[in-house]
Every structure is written in C-alpha cells, then in structure tokens.
C-alpha atoms as a PDB file:
ATOM      1  CA  UNK A   1    -119.763 -71.596  86.345  1.00  0.00           C
ATOM      2  CA  UNK A   2    -118.415 -72.955  89.634  1.00  0.00           C
ATOM      3  CA  UNK A   3    -120.103 -75.554  91.794  1.00  0.00           C
ATOM      4  CA  UNK A   4    -121.390 -72.996  94.288  1.00  0.00           C
ATOM      5  CA  UNK A   5    -122.933 -70.927  91.494  1.00  0.00           C
ATOM      6  CA  UNK A   6    -124.555 -74.023  89.958  1.00  0.00           C
ATOM      7  CA  UNK A   7    -126.046 -74.958  93.325  1.00  0.00           C
ATOM      8  CA  UNK A   8    -127.360 -71.410  93.732  1.00  0.00           C
ATOM      9  CA  UNK A   9    -128.979 -71.407  90.277  1.00  0.00           C
ATOM     10  CA  UNK A  10    -130.523 -74.832  90.882  1.00  0.00           C
ATOM     11  CA  UNK A  11    -131.876 -73.654  94.229  1.00  0.00           C
ATOM     12  CA  UNK A  12    -133.375 -70.552  92.636  1.00  0.00           C
ATOM     13  CA  UNK A  13    -135.101 -72.614  89.948  1.00  0.00           C
ATOM     14  CA  UNK A  14    -136.537 -74.957  92.559  1.00  0.00           C
ATOM     15  CA  UNK A  15    -137.884 -71.941  94.395  1.00  0.00           C
ATOM     16  CA  UNK A  16    -139.506 -70.622  91.205  1.00  0.00           C
ATOM     17  CA  UNK A  17    -141.104 -74.036  90.633  1.00  0.00           C
ATOM     18  CA  UNK A  18    -142.557 -73.981  94.141  1.00  0.00           C
ATOM     19  CA  UNK A  19    -143.882 -70.421  93.800  1.00  0.00           C
ATOM     20  CA  UNK A  20    -145.547 -71.197  90.461  1.00  0.00           C
ATOM     21  CA  UNK A  21    -147.091 -74.352  91.849  1.00  0.00           C
ATOM     22  CA  UNK A  22    -148.596 -72.428  94.739  1.00  0.00           C
ATOM     23  CA  UNK A  23    -149.599 -69.419  92.617  1.00  0.00           C
ATOM     24  CA  UNK A  24    -151.544 -71.476  90.114  1.00  0.00           C
ATOM     25  CA  UNK A  25    -152.691 -74.121  92.584  1.00  0.00           C
ATOM     26  CA  UNK A  26    -151.023 -76.733  90.377  1.00  0.00           C
ATOM     27  CA  UNK A  27    -149.999 -80.270  91.239  1.00  0.00           C
ATOM     28  CA  UNK A  28    -146.616 -79.673  89.665  1.00  0.00           C
ATOM     29  CA  UNK A  29    -144.381 -77.228  87.871  1.00  0.00           C
ATOM     30  CA  UNK A  30    -141.049 -77.974  86.294  1.00  0.00           C
ATOM     31  CA  UNK A  31    -138.155 -75.906  85.006  1.00  0.00           C
ATOM     32  CA  UNK A  32    -136.548 -77.170  81.795  1.00  0.00           C
ATOM     33  CA  UNK A  33    -133.292 -75.831  80.351  1.00  0.00           C
ATOM     34  CA  UNK A  34    -133.663 -73.822  77.134  1.00  0.00           C
ATOM     35  CA  UNK A  35    -133.008 -75.242  73.667  1.00  0.00           C
ATOM     36  CA  UNK A  36    -129.648 -73.867  72.508  1.00  0.00           C
ATOM     37  CA  UNK A  37    -130.285 -72.367  69.075  1.00  0.00           C
ATOM     38  CA  UNK A  38    -128.073 -70.868  66.401  1.00  0.00           C
ATOM     39  CA  UNK A  39    -124.787 -72.396  67.516  1.00  0.00           C
ATOM     40  CA  UNK A  40    -121.997 -73.409  65.174  1.00  0.00           C
ATOM     41  CA  UNK A  41    -122.260 -76.984  66.448  1.00  0.00           C
ATOM     42  CA  UNK A  42    -125.581 -78.824  66.279  1.00  0.00           C
ATOM     43  CA  UNK A  43    -125.767 -80.660  69.594  1.00  0.00           C
ATOM     44  CA  UNK A  44    -129.253 -82.133  69.113  1.00  0.00           C
ATOM     45  CA  UNK A  45    -130.212 -85.463  67.616  1.00  0.00           C
ATOM     46  CA  UNK A  46    -133.196 -87.742  68.033  1.00  0.00           C
ATOM     47  CA  UNK A  47    -133.579 -91.232  69.394  1.00  0.00           C
ATOM     48  CA  UNK A  48    -135.073 -93.974  67.238  1.00  0.00           C
ATOM     49  CA  UNK A  49    -138.512 -93.185  68.692  1.00  0.00           C
ATOM     50  CA  UNK A  50    -138.058 -89.444  68.081  1.00  0.00           C
ATOM     51  CA  UNK A  51    -137.121 -88.170  71.525  1.00  0.00           C
ATOM     52  CA  UNK A  52    -134.778 -85.168  71.559  1.00  0.00           C
ATOM     53  CA  UNK A  53    -131.257 -85.934  72.768  1.00  0.00           C
ATOM     54  CA  UNK A  54    -128.814 -83.185  73.709  1.00  0.00           C
ATOM     55  CA  UNK A  55    -125.147 -84.176  73.383  1.00  0.00           C
ATOM     56  CA  UNK A  56    -122.178 -82.568  75.116  1.00  0.00           C
ATOM     57  CA  UNK A  57    -120.416 -82.001  71.788  1.00  0.00           C
ATOM     58  CA  UNK A  58    -117.689 -79.386  72.094  1.00  0.00           C
ATOM     59  CA  UNK A  59    -115.826 -79.656  68.797  1.00  0.00           C
ATOM     60  CA  UNK A  60    -116.202 -80.491  65.111  1.00  0.00           C
ATOM     61  CA  UNK A  61    -113.161 -82.680  64.466  1.00  0.00           C
ATOM     62  CA  UNK A  62    -113.802 -83.360  60.782  1.00  0.00           C
ATOM     63  CA  UNK A  63    -116.443 -82.674  58.171  1.00  0.00           C
ATOM     64  CA  UNK A  64    -116.507 -83.857  54.571  1.00  0.00           C
ATOM     65  CA  UNK A  65    -118.688 -85.371  51.902  1.00  0.00           C
ATOM     66  CA  UNK A  66    -118.163 -88.512  49.856  1.00  0.00           C
ATOM     67  CA  UNK A  67    -120.110 -89.435  46.706  1.00  0.00           C
ATOM     68  CA  UNK A  68    -122.489 -91.297  49.041  1.00  0.00           C
ATOM     69  CA  UNK A  69    -122.993 -89.264  52.210  1.00  0.00           C
ATOM     70  CA  UNK A  70    -121.999 -86.451  54.540  1.00  0.00           C
ATOM     71  CA  UNK A  71    -119.313 -87.556  56.999  1.00  0.00           C
ATOM     72  CA  UNK A  72    -118.633 -85.875  60.339  1.00  0.00           C
ATOM     73  CA  UNK A  73    -116.497 -86.599  63.355  1.00  0.00           C
ATOM     74  CA  UNK A  74    -117.749 -84.769  66.442  1.00  0.00           C
ATOM     75  CA  UNK A  75    -116.077 -84.783  69.831  1.00  0.00           C
ATOM     76  CA  UNK A  76    -118.192 -85.393  72.926  1.00  0.00           C
ATOM     77  CA  UNK A  77    -116.824 -84.727  76.408  1.00  0.00           C
ATOM     78  CA  UNK A  78    -118.191 -88.039  77.684  1.00  0.00           C
ATOM     79  CA  UNK A  79    -118.391 -90.239  74.566  1.00  0.00           C
ATOM     80  CA  UNK A  80    -115.158 -89.288  72.791  1.00  0.00           C
ATOM     81  CA  UNK A  81    -115.059 -88.948  69.020  1.00  0.00           C
ATOM     82  CA  UNK A  82    -118.358 -89.786  67.305  1.00  0.00           C
ATOM     83  CA  UNK A  83    -118.989 -90.764  63.675  1.00  0.00           C
ATOM     84  CA  UNK A  84    -122.043 -89.142  62.082  1.00  0.00           C
ATOM     85  CA  UNK A  85    -123.245 -90.107  58.611  1.00  0.00           C
ATOM     86  CA  UNK A  86    -125.777 -87.744  57.052  1.00  0.00           C
ATOM     87  CA  UNK A  87    -126.015 -86.168  60.517  1.00  0.00           C
ATOM     88  CA  UNK A  88    -127.085 -89.438  62.173  1.00  0.00           C
ATOM     89  CA  UNK A  89    -125.015 -90.875  65.001  1.00  0.00           C
ATOM     90  CA  UNK A  90    -123.331 -94.161  63.976  1.00  0.00           C
ATOM     91  CA  UNK A  91    -120.664 -95.100  66.504  1.00  0.00           C
ATOM     92  CA  UNK A  92    -118.410 -93.486  69.094  1.00  0.00           C
ATOM     93  CA  UNK A  93    -115.250 -94.333  70.979  1.00  0.00           C
ATOM     94  CA  UNK A  94    -117.489 -95.292  73.908  1.00  0.00           C
ATOM     95  CA  UNK A  95    -119.425 -97.951  71.989  1.00  0.00           C
ATOM     96  CA  UNK A  96    -117.520-101.227  72.336  1.00  0.00           C
ATOM     97  CA  UNK A  97    -120.735-102.762  73.698  1.00  0.00           C
ATOM     98  CA  UNK A  98    -122.384-102.194  70.299  1.00  0.00           C
ATOM     99  CA  UNK A  99    -119.749-104.218  68.463  1.00  0.00           C
ATOM    100  CA  UNK A 100    -119.545-106.935  71.106  1.00  0.00           C
ATOM    101  CA  UNK A 101    -123.324-107.407  71.118  1.00  0.00           C
ATOM    102  CA  UNK A 102    -123.490-107.459  67.315  1.00  0.00           C
ATOM    103  CA  UNK A 103    -120.878-110.229  67.205  1.00  0.00           C
ATOM    104  CA  UNK A 104    -122.219-112.026  70.325  1.00  0.00           C
ATOM    105  CA  UNK A 105    -118.769-112.054  71.872  1.00  0.00           C
ATOM    106  CA  UNK A 106    -118.344-114.916  74.305  1.00  0.00           C
ATOM    107  CA  UNK A 107    -121.193-116.857  72.679  1.00  0.00           C
ATOM    108  CA  UNK A 108    -120.047-117.343  69.088  1.00  0.00           C
ATOM    109  CA  UNK A 109    -116.766-119.085  68.243  1.00  0.00           C
ATOM    110  CA  UNK A 110    -115.012-117.364  65.341  1.00  0.00           C
ATOM    111  CA  UNK A 111    -111.740-119.241  65.507  1.00  0.00           C
ATOM    112  CA  UNK A 112    -110.891-120.741  62.118  1.00  0.00           C
ATOM    113  CA  UNK A 113    -114.106-119.418  60.554  1.00  0.00           C
ATOM    114  CA  UNK A 114    -114.684-117.634  57.238  1.00  0.00           C
ATOM    115  CA  UNK A 115    -116.532-114.358  57.676  1.00  0.00           C
ATOM    116  CA  UNK A 116    -118.091-111.734  55.419  1.00  0.00           C
ATOM    117  CA  UNK A 117    -118.891-108.207  56.666  1.00  0.00           C
ATOM    118  CA  UNK A 118    -121.364-106.134  54.659  1.00  0.00           C
ATOM    119  CA  UNK A 119    -120.577-102.484  55.355  1.00  0.00           C
ATOM    120  CA  UNK A 120    -118.663-101.951  58.574  1.00  0.00           C
ATOM    121  CA  UNK A 121    -116.698 -98.976  57.246  1.00  0.00           C
ATOM    122  CA  UNK A 122    -115.809 -97.692  60.716  1.00  0.00           C
ATOM    123  CA  UNK A 123    -113.592-100.775  61.091  1.00  0.00           C
ATOM    124  CA  UNK A 124    -114.741-101.582  64.633  1.00  0.00           C
ATOM    125  CA  UNK A 125    -116.304-104.961  63.810  1.00  0.00           C
ATOM    126  CA  UNK A 126    -113.340-106.077  61.708  1.00  0.00           C
ATOM    127  CA  UNK A 127    -110.922-105.022  64.450  1.00  0.00           C
ATOM    128  CA  UNK A 128    -112.754-106.977  67.154  1.00  0.00           C
ATOM    129  CA  UNK A 129    -113.326-110.062  64.973  1.00  0.00           C
ATOM    130  CA  UNK A 130    -109.623-110.338  64.177  1.00  0.00           C
ATOM    131  CA  UNK A 131    -108.955-110.755  67.906  1.00  0.00           C
ATOM    132  CA  UNK A 132    -110.949-114.018  67.707  1.00  0.00           C
ATOM    133  CA  UNK A 133    -108.478-115.667  65.274  1.00  0.00           C
ATOM    134  CA  UNK A 134    -110.779-116.313  62.288  1.00  0.00           C
ATOM    135  CA  UNK A 135    -109.490-118.079  59.196  1.00  0.00           C
ATOM    136  CA  UNK A 136    -110.299-115.100  56.967  1.00  0.00           C
ATOM    137  CA  UNK A 137    -112.544-112.024  56.910  1.00  0.00           C
ATOM    138  CA  UNK A 138    -113.687-110.163  53.803  1.00  0.00           C
ATOM    139  CA  UNK A 139    -115.281-106.756  54.344  1.00  0.00           C
ATOM    140  CA  UNK A 140    -117.389-105.121  51.607  1.00  0.00           C
ATOM    141  CA  UNK A 141    -117.590-101.346  52.114  1.00  0.00           C
ATOM    142  CA  UNK A 142    -118.689 -98.861  49.473  1.00  0.00           C
ATOM    143  CA  UNK A 143    -117.345 -95.631  50.996  1.00  0.00           C
ATOM    144  CA  UNK A 144    -113.573 -95.197  50.903  1.00  0.00           C
ATOM    145  CA  UNK A 145    -113.741 -91.791  52.599  1.00  0.00           C
ATOM    146  CA  UNK A 146    -115.562 -93.211  55.632  1.00  0.00           C
ATOM    147  CA  UNK A 147    -112.721 -95.686  56.119  1.00  0.00           C
ATOM    148  CA  UNK A 148    -110.038 -93.032  55.687  1.00  0.00           C
ATOM    149  CA  UNK A 149    -111.818 -90.774  58.174  1.00  0.00           C
ATOM    150  CA  UNK A 150    -112.286 -93.486  60.791  1.00  0.00           C
ATOM    151  CA  UNK A 151    -108.707 -94.656  60.375  1.00  0.00           C
ATOM    152  CA  UNK A 152    -107.541 -91.138  61.249  1.00  0.00           C
ATOM    153  CA  UNK A 153    -110.009 -90.115  63.939  1.00  0.00           C
ATOM    154  CA  UNK A 154    -111.483 -93.339  65.402  1.00  0.00           C
ATOM    155  CA  UNK A 155    -108.430 -95.554  65.865  1.00  0.00           C
ATOM    156  CA  UNK A 156    -109.618 -96.211  69.430  1.00  0.00           C
ATOM    157  CA  UNK A 157    -112.300 -98.509  67.990  1.00  0.00           C
ATOM    158  CA  UNK A 158    -110.678 -99.714  64.754  1.00  0.00           C
ATOM    159  CA  UNK A 159    -106.994 -99.990  65.643  1.00  0.00           C
ATOM    160  CA  UNK A 160    -104.888-100.095  62.495  1.00  0.00           C
ATOM    161  CA  UNK A 161    -107.044-102.474  60.421  1.00  0.00           C
ATOM    162  CA  UNK A 162    -108.040 -99.726  57.982  1.00  0.00           C
ATOM    163  CA  UNK A 163    -104.400 -98.948  57.201  1.00  0.00           C
ATOM    164  CA  UNK A 164    -104.268-101.838  54.721  1.00  0.00           C
ATOM    165  CA  UNK A 165    -106.769-103.225  52.258  1.00  0.00           C
ATOM    166  CA  UNK A 166    -105.429-106.782  52.208  1.00  0.00           C
ATOM    167  CA  UNK A 167    -103.450-109.041  54.548  1.00  0.00           C
ATOM    168  CA  UNK A 168    -103.233-112.802  55.066  1.00  0.00           C
ATOM    169  CA  UNK A 169    -106.070-112.585  57.600  1.00  0.00           C
ATOM    170  CA  UNK A 170    -108.472-110.123  55.968  1.00  0.00           C
ATOM    171  CA  UNK A 171    -109.382-108.242  52.812  1.00  0.00           C
ATOM    172  CA  UNK A 172    -111.288-104.967  52.501  1.00  0.00           C
ATOM    173  CA  UNK A 173    -113.072-104.627  49.172  1.00  0.00           C
ATOM    174  CA  UNK A 174    -114.223-101.128  48.235  1.00  0.00           C
ATOM    175  CA  UNK A 175    -117.445-101.441  46.286  1.00  0.00           C
ATOM    176  CA  UNK A 176    -121.154-102.252  46.283  1.00  0.00           C
ATOM    177  CA  UNK A 177    -121.702-105.218  48.605  1.00  0.00           C
ATOM    178  CA  UNK A 178    -124.682-106.449  46.554  1.00  0.00           C
ATOM    179  CA  UNK A 179    -122.558-106.775  43.430  1.00  0.00           C
ATOM    180  CA  UNK A 180    -119.857-108.655  45.308  1.00  0.00           C
ATOM    181  CA  UNK A 181    -122.423-110.945  46.921  1.00  0.00           C
ATOM    182  CA  UNK A 182    -123.664-111.787  43.429  1.00  0.00           C
ATOM    183  CA  UNK A 183    -120.069-112.565  42.478  1.00  0.00           C
ATOM    184  CA  UNK A 184    -119.633-114.842  45.507  1.00  0.00           C
ATOM    185  CA  UNK A 185    -122.888-116.639  44.656  1.00  0.00           C
ATOM    186  CA  UNK A 186    -121.694-117.245  41.093  1.00  0.00           C
ATOM    187  CA  UNK A 187    -118.389-118.587  42.436  1.00  0.00           C
ATOM    188  CA  UNK A 188    -120.115-120.832  44.991  1.00  0.00           C
ATOM    189  CA  UNK A 189    -118.272-119.111  47.827  1.00  0.00           C
ATOM    190  CA  UNK A 190    -119.685-119.787  51.303  1.00  0.00           C
ATOM    191  CA  UNK A 191    -119.154-118.254  54.743  1.00  0.00           C
ATOM    192  CA  UNK A 192    -119.638-119.371  58.330  1.00  0.00           C
ATOM    193  CA  UNK A 193    -120.831-115.889  59.294  1.00  0.00           C
ATOM    194  CA  UNK A 194    -122.254-112.960  57.369  1.00  0.00           C
ATOM    195  CA  UNK A 195    -122.614-109.636  59.186  1.00  0.00           C
ATOM    196  CA  UNK A 196    -125.100-107.049  57.999  1.00  0.00           C
ATOM    197  CA  UNK A 197    -123.507-103.858  59.343  1.00  0.00           C
ATOM    198  CA  UNK A 198    -125.465-101.603  57.018  1.00  0.00           C
ATOM    199  CA  UNK A 199    -128.546 -99.421  57.341  1.00  0.00           C
ATOM    200  CA  UNK A 200    -130.869 -99.393  60.359  1.00  0.00           C
ATOM    201  CA  UNK A 201    -134.407-100.714  60.065  1.00  0.00           C
ATOM    202  CA  UNK A 202    -136.448 -97.828  58.564  1.00  0.00           C
ATOM    203  CA  UNK A 203    -138.874 -96.026  60.852  1.00  0.00           C
ATOM    204  CA  UNK A 204    -141.966 -96.508  58.687  1.00  0.00           C
ATOM    205  CA  UNK A 205    -145.394 -98.030  59.236  1.00  0.00           C
ATOM    206  CA  UNK A 206    -145.230-100.278  56.166  1.00  0.00           C
ATOM    207  CA  UNK A 207    -142.280-102.246  54.719  1.00  0.00           C
ATOM    208  CA  UNK A 208    -142.143-100.228  51.520  1.00  0.00           C
ATOM    209  CA  UNK A 209    -139.599 -97.941  49.912  1.00  0.00           C
ATOM    210  CA  UNK A 210    -135.995 -98.003  48.782  1.00  0.00           C
ATOM    211  CA  UNK A 211    -134.464 -98.959  52.133  1.00  0.00           C
ATOM    212  CA  UNK A 212    -136.852-101.868  52.690  1.00  0.00           C
ATOM    213  CA  UNK A 213    -136.130-103.075  49.157  1.00  0.00           C
ATOM    214  CA  UNK A 214    -132.411-102.899  49.950  1.00  0.00           C
ATOM    215  CA  UNK A 215    -132.895-104.918  53.145  1.00  0.00           C
ATOM    216  CA  UNK A 216    -134.798-107.615  51.245  1.00  0.00           C
ATOM    217  CA  UNK A 217    -132.048-107.721  48.600  1.00  0.00           C
ATOM    218  CA  UNK A 218    -129.409-108.130  51.302  1.00  0.00           C
ATOM    219  CA  UNK A 219    -131.395-110.990  52.849  1.00  0.00           C
ATOM    220  CA  UNK A 220    -131.830-112.712  49.503  1.00  0.00           C
ATOM    221  CA  UNK A 221    -128.136-112.650  48.657  1.00  0.00           C
ATOM    222  CA  UNK A 222    -126.671-113.115  52.142  1.00  0.00           C
ATOM    223  CA  UNK A 223    -128.360-116.441  52.785  1.00  0.00           C
ATOM    224  CA  UNK A 224    -127.137-117.738  49.433  1.00  0.00           C
ATOM    225  CA  UNK A 225    -123.524-117.348  50.606  1.00  0.00           C
ATOM    226  CA  UNK A 226    -124.102-118.846  54.070  1.00  0.00           C
ATOM    227  CA  UNK A 227    -123.014-122.380  54.841  1.00  0.00           C
ATOM    228  CA  UNK A 228    -125.889-124.676  55.956  1.00  0.00           C
ATOM    229  CA  UNK A 229    -124.879-124.198  59.603  1.00  0.00           C
ATOM    230  CA  UNK A 230    -123.897-120.552  59.088  1.00  0.00           C
ATOM    231  CA  UNK A 231    -125.302-117.513  60.825  1.00  0.00           C
ATOM    232  CA  UNK A 232    -126.374-114.036  59.697  1.00  0.00           C
ATOM    233  CA  UNK A 233    -125.851-111.357  62.358  1.00  0.00           C
ATOM    234  CA  UNK A 234    -127.176-107.827  62.110  1.00  0.00           C
ATOM    235  CA  UNK A 235    -128.393-104.826  64.082  1.00  0.00           C
ATOM    236  CA  UNK A 236    -131.978-103.642  64.062  1.00  0.00           C
ATOM    237  CA  UNK A 237    -133.043-100.396  65.684  1.00  0.00           C
ATOM    238  CA  UNK A 238    -134.056 -99.034  69.063  1.00  0.00           C
ATOM    239  CA  UNK A 239    -135.887-101.583  71.189  1.00  0.00           C
ATOM    240  CA  UNK A 240    -138.835 -99.194  71.611  1.00  0.00           C
ATOM    241  CA  UNK A 241    -139.581 -99.254  67.853  1.00  0.00           C
ATOM    242  CA  UNK A 242    -141.965-102.192  68.206  1.00  0.00           C
ATOM    243  CA  UNK A 243    -143.834-101.707  64.911  1.00  0.00           C
ATOM    244  CA  UNK A 244    -140.705-101.436  62.789  1.00  0.00           C
ATOM    245  CA  UNK A 245    -139.005-104.377  64.491  1.00  0.00           C
ATOM    246  CA  UNK A 246    -142.127-106.469  63.873  1.00  0.00           C
ATOM    247  CA  UNK A 247    -142.075-105.492  60.189  1.00  0.00           C
ATOM    248  CA  UNK A 248    -138.425-106.522  59.977  1.00  0.00           C
ATOM    249  CA  UNK A 249    -139.192-109.884  61.570  1.00  0.00           C
ATOM    250  CA  UNK A 250    -142.074-110.400  59.145  1.00  0.00           C
ATOM    251  CA  UNK A 251    -139.600-109.992  56.287  1.00  0.00           C
ATOM    252  CA  UNK A 252    -137.384-112.643  57.872  1.00  0.00           C
ATOM    253  CA  UNK A 253    -140.355-114.983  58.166  1.00  0.00           C
ATOM    254  CA  UNK A 254    -141.049-114.622  54.435  1.00  0.00           C
ATOM    255  CA  UNK A 255    -137.609-115.928  53.458  1.00  0.00           C
ATOM    256  CA  UNK A 256    -137.230-119.253  51.663  1.00  0.00           C
ATOM    257  CA  UNK A 257    -135.585-121.487  52.700  1.00  0.00           C
ATOM    258  CA  UNK A 258    -137.108-120.730  56.085  1.00  0.00           C
ATOM    259  CA  UNK A 259    -134.999-119.125  58.791  1.00  0.00           C
ATOM    260  CA  UNK A 260    -135.277-118.714  62.534  1.00  0.00           C
ATOM    261  CA  UNK A 261    -133.901-115.921  64.664  1.00  0.00           C
ATOM    262  CA  UNK A 262    -133.016-114.837  68.165  1.00  0.00           C
ATOM    263  CA  UNK A 263    -132.407-111.333  69.482  1.00  0.00           C
ATOM    264  CA  UNK A 264    -130.102-109.658  71.963  1.00  0.00           C
ATOM    265  CA  UNK A 265    -130.059-106.077  73.130  1.00  0.00           C
ATOM    266  CA  UNK A 266    -127.694-103.602  74.719  1.00  0.00           C
ATOM    267  CA  UNK A 267    -127.707-100.001  75.853  1.00  0.00           C
ATOM    268  CA  UNK A 268    -125.386 -98.167  73.457  1.00  0.00           C
ATOM    269  CA  UNK A 269    -123.807 -95.097  75.101  1.00  0.00           C
ATOM    270  CA  UNK A 270    -123.727 -92.783  72.088  1.00  0.00           C
ATOM    271  CA  UNK A 271    -127.260 -93.754  71.022  1.00  0.00           C
ATOM    272  CA  UNK A 272    -128.466 -93.083  74.572  1.00  0.00           C
ATOM    273  CA  UNK A 273    -130.948 -95.920  74.174  1.00  0.00           C
ATOM    274  CA  UNK A 274    -131.275 -99.687  74.067  1.00  0.00           C
ATOM    275  CA  UNK A 275    -130.571-101.271  70.669  1.00  0.00           C
ATOM    276  CA  UNK A 276    -131.784-104.618  69.303  1.00  0.00           C
ATOM    277  CA  UNK A 277    -129.591-107.122  67.431  1.00  0.00           C
ATOM    278  CA  UNK A 278    -130.561-110.216  65.416  1.00  0.00           C
ATOM    279  CA  UNK A 279    -128.974-113.652  65.007  1.00  0.00           C
ATOM    280  CA  UNK A 280    -130.477-115.568  62.077  1.00  0.00           C
ATOM    281  CA  UNK A 281    -129.931-119.186  60.995  1.00  0.00           C
ATOM    282  CA  UNK A 282    -131.584-121.625  58.631  1.00  0.00           C
ATOM    283  CA  UNK A 283    -134.579-123.305  60.263  1.00  0.00           C
END
C-alpha cells in the first residue's frame, strides 16, 4: 500500500470514529487494527505485565529444539534477528543496551578481573566483556544448540566468541552451571564478578515453585564463589512487575552473609519495555 493509500485509509477511519461518536453521543470512539490470526508466523508476544505486543516479524530464520527448549530465530524489520526460547523473546540484534546495562559498562572496571557467567548462551555478554580486557572469563551454558544457533545467526551481537570453546582469555563450559559452581566451591575458586544471565524473575504472587527454587540455589552457590569485594550482576524483569521484583528483593534480603543491592534500568528495544537489573555485593 502506497503512502497516499495509507493516508486515505487513515482519513476514512478517522471519519468513521467521528460519525460513531456523534451517532452514539459518546465522548470517544477509537479504531483499532485487527488481530492477525492464522498466519504461518506468530507475530504476537506479551510484555512482562501481560500487554499484547505485535512485532514486525517477516521471516522465520531458524527453528529447532534442543533437549532443553525450543529455539527460534525470527527476523524483525526494525529489530533484526531475534532469539526466542520456548517462544519467549530473549535478545535481538538491536539490544546492545541490554548487555551494557547488565554489565554496567562505564561504571565497572573489568580489566584484569576474573569473571564467571552463568548462562549467557547467546554470547553477547561474553563478547562485550572481552572488550574490557579481563584476566579470564568462564561461561557455564547448558545448551550447546543455543550457542551454535546464535553463532550462525546472531554474530552481530556475539562476534566470533562462540566459534571456540577455550582460548587464553575465556573458556565456555557446556553443562549445568549449578554442578560447576559446586565444583568451584570445592576447589576454593573465587571470582571478582559473577553474572546471572539465566531465567527471568517468575511472574507469580508468591516465591514458590521450581523457578524460585532455582533462583535461590543460584544465589546460594554464586556468593560462595565471589571474592569478599566481588559483585553479582543479574537481570530481573520488567520494571512494572512491582510485586515480583519485591519478592526477588526479599529473597536477596534473606541471604546470609547479608548482601546489599542497587538497581539500574533500561528500555530494551526487542522487549518493548523497561527492564530492571541488579548489582549485588556483600553488606
């Protein structure tokens, strides 16, 4: 549809709105575009607070399934390639701000530091951290297929870091991060930074269930491998999810030894909403 036709359609809809308002003596009337049903590509997702979001997805680039989850790469006209895991948006080529806010770029000094990433299979965090000249980064990711997929279709955000599993500067370990954290604890291994790039805070009214148990397990083990002046950095959820964010913070406040935390937030393009991030240290 050309610009002139679009203008004509918009004008007609505005006229219909006005007629309906007058006909029914209403304060307002509003035309909304129809929900597009039955298409090959599902263009609808929800925000963290359950608002419908329509994406301009025009192509399924890749679709597969690992032993852990469904993996999709969708192409958006404005966001570029997008990674979806179990049909939930994770990261897109447009989302450098997500990674930079997670790592507090420009605030934290990673030069010469030892870093552990829990998750991070899209490779974006590892790629950006390596630009900061750390001493060494170990990344613990359970899903090999996610890394292979992102290496092929999301190189804009991960560069070539997923090409290799071990270099002088970093090592990618494929496996359960909890089991490897236990191993590090037994070895007495400590890190300056631990990143929790794993699951979002669950949208529930009580901190119960498998995902909350997993979050508590990650807390328990992560702080045992942090140096006394180390920092745990993680993402939370949408900033409008006040109840769930409060529940997450209550879990932090239950930790022993005690911790303290700060938060930052950023509008993430492919999420189409503001996201909250946490920086946690020993109190």
